Amino acid sequence: MPPAKQVELFTDGACSGNPGPGGWGALLRYRGKEKELCGADPSTTNNRMELTAIIEGLRALKEPCAVRLVTDSKYAADGITKGWAEGWRKNGWRKADKKPALNPDLWEELLALLARHTVTVEWVKGHDGHPENERCDALATGAIAKLRQSEKEGRA
């Protein structure tokens, strides 16, 4: 079997108010070629947008790949690397304190995608000059602006 394609996935989520209108951005890079993805939700949370960015980036891959995921979300990074999400799922989407885990629908989808790909996670500090993280933030905030504009036009 040939080695898996080596792909880089950079992601970010943003929310204007938490909850509030939110956006997500993802940048995929393979052999020097880049693909940008983004979207928005009129009523969401920052963590949902962070997870959505990762899900949409992984979903865009047409075959199993070796993925270097770069995110500024400690929630997403720790949920993956520390096994929190797997543990929540095993406990019926309950945390160690027996309270419900948040976003089980997105975690379920993400865990399925993680099982398909070989993913290494790298956490970076947000808004700290990391070029790809800044680009994904611009995609996410741009998606929020586009959503607001379309809502404004819909009311006119």
Protein backbone atom coordinates (compact mmCIF):
# COMPACT_ATOMS: atom_id res chain seq x y z
CA MET A 1 0.00 0.00 0.00
CA PRO A 2 1.45 3.41 -0.93
CA PRO A 3 2.14 5.83 1.94
CA ALA A 4 -0.68 8.18 2.84
CA LYS A 5 -0.62 11.65 1.35
CA GLN A 6 0.91 14.19 3.74
CA VAL A 7 -1.54 17.07 4.20
CA GLU A 8 -1.47 20.14 6.41
CA LEU A 9 -4.75 21.46 7.84
CA PHE A 10 -4.87 24.84 9.54
CA THR A 11 -8.15 25.84 11.22
CA ASP A 12 -9.82 28.57 13.22
CA GLY A 13 -13.27 29.43 14.50
CA ALA A 14 -14.69 32.78 15.52
CA CYS A 15 -17.83 34.01 17.20
CA SER A 16 -19.28 37.49 17.52
CA GLY A 17 -20.76 37.08 20.96
CA ASN A 18 -20.59 33.63 22.51
CA PRO A 19 -23.17 32.43 21.62
CA GLY A 20 -23.81 34.54 18.56
CA PRO A 21 -23.09 34.57 14.85
CA GLY A 22 -20.03 32.45 14.16
CA GLY A 23 -17.67 31.56 11.36
CA TRP A 24 -14.99 29.01 10.66
CA GLY A 25 -12.03 28.85 8.31
CA ALA A 26 -9.78 26.04 7.15
CA LEU A 27 -6.73 25.96 4.94
CA LEU A 28 -5.61 22.67 3.40
CA ARG A 29 -2.12 22.37 1.94
CA TYR A 30 -0.81 19.48 -0.15
CA ARG A 31 2.39 19.60 -2.19
CA GLY A 32 2.41 23.39 -2.18
CA LYS A 33 -1.18 23.72 -3.35
CA GLU A 34 -3.72 25.31 -1.02
CA LYS A 35 -7.49 25.14 -0.70
CA GLU A 36 -9.44 27.51 1.54
CA LEU A 37 -12.80 26.62 3.08
CA CYS A 38 -15.10 28.69 5.26
CA GLY A 39 -18.65 28.95 6.48
CA ALA A 40 -20.89 30.59 9.05
CA ASP A 41 -23.76 29.91 11.43
CA PRO A 42 -26.20 32.58 12.62
CA SER A 43 -26.33 31.28 16.20
CA THR A 44 -23.48 29.21 17.57
CA THR A 45 -20.50 29.17 19.92
CA ASN A 46 -16.79 29.60 19.39
CA ASN A 47 -16.07 25.98 20.30
CA ARG A 48 -18.64 24.73 17.77
CA MET A 49 -16.96 26.80 15.07
CA GLU A 50 -13.49 25.51 16.06
CA LEU A 51 -14.72 21.91 15.76
CA THR A 52 -16.60 22.63 12.53
CA ALA A 53 -13.44 24.02 10.91
CA ILE A 54 -11.58 20.79 11.67
CA ILE A 55 -14.49 18.60 10.56
CA GLU A 56 -14.93 20.44 7.26
CA GLY A 57 -11.19 20.35 6.57
CA LEU A 58 -11.00 16.60 7.17
CA ARG A 59 -14.25 16.00 5.29
CA ALA A 60 -12.75 17.68 2.20
CA LEU A 61 -10.08 14.98 1.94
CA LYS A 62 -11.07 12.39 -0.66
CA GLU A 63 -8.95 9.55 0.76
CA PRO A 64 -7.27 8.64 4.06
CA CYS A 65 -4.31 10.97 4.65
CA ALA A 66 -1.60 11.71 7.17
CA VAL A 67 -2.74 15.09 8.46
CA ARG A 68 -0.84 17.68 10.44
CA LEU A 69 -3.64 19.65 12.11
CA VAL A 70 -2.71 23.11 13.39
CA THR A 71 -5.31 24.76 15.62
CA ASP A 72 -5.41 27.53 18.21
CA SER A 73 -8.25 25.81 20.06
CA LYS A 74 -7.13 24.17 23.31
CA TYR A 75 -10.64 22.70 23.56
CA ALA A 76 -10.24 20.88 20.24
CA ALA A 77 -6.56 20.02 20.65
CA ASP A 78 -6.99 18.64 24.17
CA GLY A 79 -10.24 16.89 23.30
CA ILE A 80 -8.35 14.97 20.61
CA THR A 81 -4.85 14.49 22.06
CA LYS A 82 -5.79 13.89 25.70
CA GLY A 83 -8.54 11.45 24.76
CA TRP A 84 -11.27 13.53 26.37
CA ALA A 85 -13.71 13.10 23.49
CA GLU A 86 -13.21 9.33 23.41
CA GLY A 87 -13.82 9.23 27.16
CA TRP A 88 -16.94 11.37 26.91
CA ARG A 89 -18.30 9.06 24.23
CA LYS A 90 -17.58 5.96 26.33
CA ASN A 91 -19.42 7.62 29.24
CA GLY A 92 -22.53 8.37 27.19
CA TRP A 93 -21.35 11.92 26.44
CA ARG A 94 -20.83 12.71 30.11
CA LYS A 95 -17.70 14.30 31.54
CA ALA A 96 -15.83 13.00 34.59
CA ASP A 97 -17.98 15.27 36.80
CA LYS A 98 -21.08 13.55 35.30
CA LYS A 99 -22.19 16.77 33.59
CA PRO A 100 -23.10 16.51 29.90
CA ALA A 101 -20.23 16.97 27.47
CA LEU A 102 -20.83 19.86 25.10
CA ASN A 103 -21.14 19.43 21.34
CA PRO A 104 -21.48 15.63 21.23
CA ASP A 105 -22.88 15.80 17.68
CA LEU A 106 -19.72 17.47 16.40
CA TRP A 107 -17.37 15.33 18.48
CA GLU A 108 -19.05 12.18 17.16
CA GLU A 109 -18.50 13.33 13.58
CA LEU A 110 -14.93 14.40 14.33
CA LEU A 111 -14.05 11.09 15.99
CA ALA A 112 -15.27 9.23 12.89
CA LEU A 113 -13.07 11.41 10.68
CA LEU A 114 -10.08 11.00 13.00
CA ALA A 115 -10.49 7.22 12.69
CA ARG A 116 -10.22 7.55 8.91
CA HIS A 117 -7.05 9.66 8.87
CA THR A 118 -3.75 9.65 10.76
CA VAL A 119 -3.85 13.03 12.50
CA THR A 120 -1.18 14.75 14.54
CA VAL A 121 -2.30 17.86 16.39
CA GLU A 122 -0.25 20.98 16.90
CA TRP A 123 -1.60 23.77 19.09
CA VAL A 124 -0.54 27.35 18.33
CA LYS A 125 -1.34 30.50 20.24
CA GLY A 126 -4.12 32.41 18.47
CA HIS A 127 -3.65 35.96 17.20
CA ASP A 128 0.09 35.64 17.66
CA GLY A 129 1.30 36.21 14.11
CA HIS A 130 1.14 32.60 12.88
CA PRO A 131 0.47 33.25 9.15
CA GLU A 132 -1.87 30.34 8.47
CA ASN A 133 -3.75 30.83 11.74
CA GLU A 134 -4.21 34.51 10.89
CA ARG A 135 -5.47 33.51 7.42
CA CYS A 136 -7.99 31.09 8.90
CA ASP A 137 -9.14 33.76 11.35
CA ALA A 138 -9.68 36.12 8.40
CA LEU A 139 -11.70 33.41 6.62
CA ALA A 140 -13.84 32.85 9.74
CA THR A 141 -14.48 36.53 10.45
CA GLY A 142 -15.11 37.13 6.74
CA ALA A 143 -17.74 34.40 6.77
CA ILE A 144 -19.47 36.13 9.70
CA ALA A 145 -19.42 39.45 7.81
CA LYS A 146 -20.88 37.78 4.71
CA LEU A 147 -23.61 36.16 6.84
CA ARG A 148 -24.51 39.51 8.40
CA GLN A 149 -24.60 41.18 4.99
CA SER A 150 -26.92 38.52 3.56
CA GLU A 151 -29.16 38.81 6.63
CA LYS A 152 -29.25 42.59 6.19
CA GLU A 153 -30.14 42.22 2.50
CA GLY A 154 -32.82 39.69 3.40
CA ARG A 155 -34.49 42.22 5.67
CA ALA A 156 -34.38 45.04 3.13
